[in-house]
């Protein structure tokens, strides 16, 4: 039996698969795009492990926190660094 250690992390004594960064970025962007109440056109999503950075611009101030909420609900996301700014 072989183990792909690159894609495993240990939580307590249970091995769990870490999401691929590209897959996690895509999942977050897809969740933002399908939310329906914000425009993610100028949101840039970057993953570092399970931590996500949101950078860019949104149309309304309320969309800054909404984008963070959606991102935190995305499977595999542990933490969000929100660097979004509302359009002036």
Protein backbone atom coordinates (compact mmCIF):
# COMPACT_ATOMS: atom_id res chain seq x y z
CA UNK A 1 0.00 0.00 0.00
CA UNK A 2 1.35 3.44 -0.89
CA UNK A 3 0.42 6.77 0.64
CA UNK A 4 0.50 10.10 -1.18
CA UNK A 5 1.88 12.20 1.70
CA UNK A 6 1.73 15.42 -0.34
CA UNK A 7 -2.06 15.52 -0.07
CA UNK A 8 -2.46 14.44 3.54
CA UNK A 9 -2.56 16.38 6.77
CA UNK A 10 -2.98 15.05 10.28
CA UNK A 11 -5.81 16.32 12.46
CA UNK A 12 -5.49 14.64 15.83
CA UNK A 13 -4.81 11.04 14.89
CA UNK A 14 -6.91 11.00 11.70
CA UNK A 15 -5.35 11.62 8.28
CA UNK A 16 -7.44 13.90 6.07
CA UNK A 17 -6.93 14.95 2.45
CA UNK A 18 -5.92 18.60 1.93
CA UNK A 19 -7.72 20.29 -0.96
CA UNK A 20 -5.61 21.25 -3.95
CA UNK A 21 -5.03 25.04 -3.92
CA UNK A 22 -6.30 25.47 -7.47
CA UNK A 23 -9.42 23.44 -6.70
CA UNK A 24 -10.07 25.46 -3.55
CA UNK A 25 -9.64 28.77 -5.39
CA UNK A 26 -12.07 27.57 -8.07
CA UNK A 27 -14.58 26.38 -5.46
CA UNK A 28 -14.50 29.76 -3.69
CA UNK A 29 -14.85 31.74 -6.92
CA UNK A 30 -17.70 29.48 -8.04
CA UNK A 31 -19.49 30.00 -4.70
CA UNK A 32 -19.08 33.78 -5.04
CA UNK A 33 -20.35 33.70 -8.64
CA UNK A 34 -23.41 31.61 -7.75
CA UNK A 35 -24.35 33.63 -4.66
CA UNK A 36 -26.47 35.93 -6.80
CA UNK A 37 -26.17 38.95 -4.56
CA UNK A 38 -22.68 40.17 -5.48
CA UNK A 39 -20.58 40.57 -8.62
CA UNK A 40 -17.25 38.72 -8.29
CA UNK A 41 -15.82 40.12 -11.55
CA UNK A 42 -13.10 42.06 -9.73
CA UNK A 43 -12.52 39.63 -6.84
CA UNK A 44 -9.21 37.77 -6.96
CA UNK A 45 -9.07 34.53 -4.94
CA UNK A 46 -5.75 33.10 -3.77
CA UNK A 47 -5.28 29.97 -1.65
CA UNK A 48 -2.36 29.18 0.58
CA UNK A 49 -3.13 25.80 2.06
CA UNK A 50 -6.66 26.15 3.40
CA UNK A 51 -6.35 29.91 3.96
CA UNK A 52 -7.97 32.14 1.34
CA UNK A 53 -7.11 35.72 0.46
CA UNK A 54 -9.80 37.82 -1.22
CA UNK A 55 -8.42 40.90 -2.98
CA UNK A 56 -9.93 43.40 -5.37
CA UNK A 57 -13.07 45.50 -5.51
CA UNK A 58 -16.81 45.10 -5.04
CA UNK A 59 -19.62 47.54 -5.80
CA UNK A 60 -21.05 47.98 -2.29
CA UNK A 61 -19.57 48.04 1.21
CA UNK A 62 -21.97 45.26 2.29
CA UNK A 63 -20.49 42.98 -0.37
CA UNK A 64 -17.12 42.99 1.42
CA UNK A 65 -18.50 41.07 4.41
CA UNK A 66 -20.88 39.03 2.22
CA UNK A 67 -17.94 37.72 0.15
CA UNK A 68 -16.15 36.70 3.34
CA UNK A 69 -19.24 34.85 4.64
CA UNK A 70 -19.62 32.94 1.37
CA UNK A 71 -15.93 32.06 1.34
CA UNK A 72 -15.98 30.76 4.93
CA UNK A 73 -18.89 28.46 4.04
CA UNK A 74 -16.94 26.92 1.17
CA UNK A 75 -15.82 23.36 1.94
CA UNK A 76 -12.11 23.21 2.76
CA UNK A 77 -11.66 26.87 3.76
CA UNK A 78 -10.14 27.40 7.20
CA UNK A 79 -9.50 31.16 7.30
CA UNK A 80 -10.19 34.22 5.14
CA UNK A 81 -7.93 37.25 4.71
CA UNK A 82 -10.30 39.86 3.33
CA UNK A 83 -8.54 42.63 1.42
CA UNK A 84 -11.59 43.68 -0.61
CA UNK A 85 -12.45 47.34 -1.02
CA UNK A 86 -15.81 48.86 -1.99
CA UNK A 87 -15.79 50.94 -5.17
CA UNK A 88 -15.54 54.64 -4.45
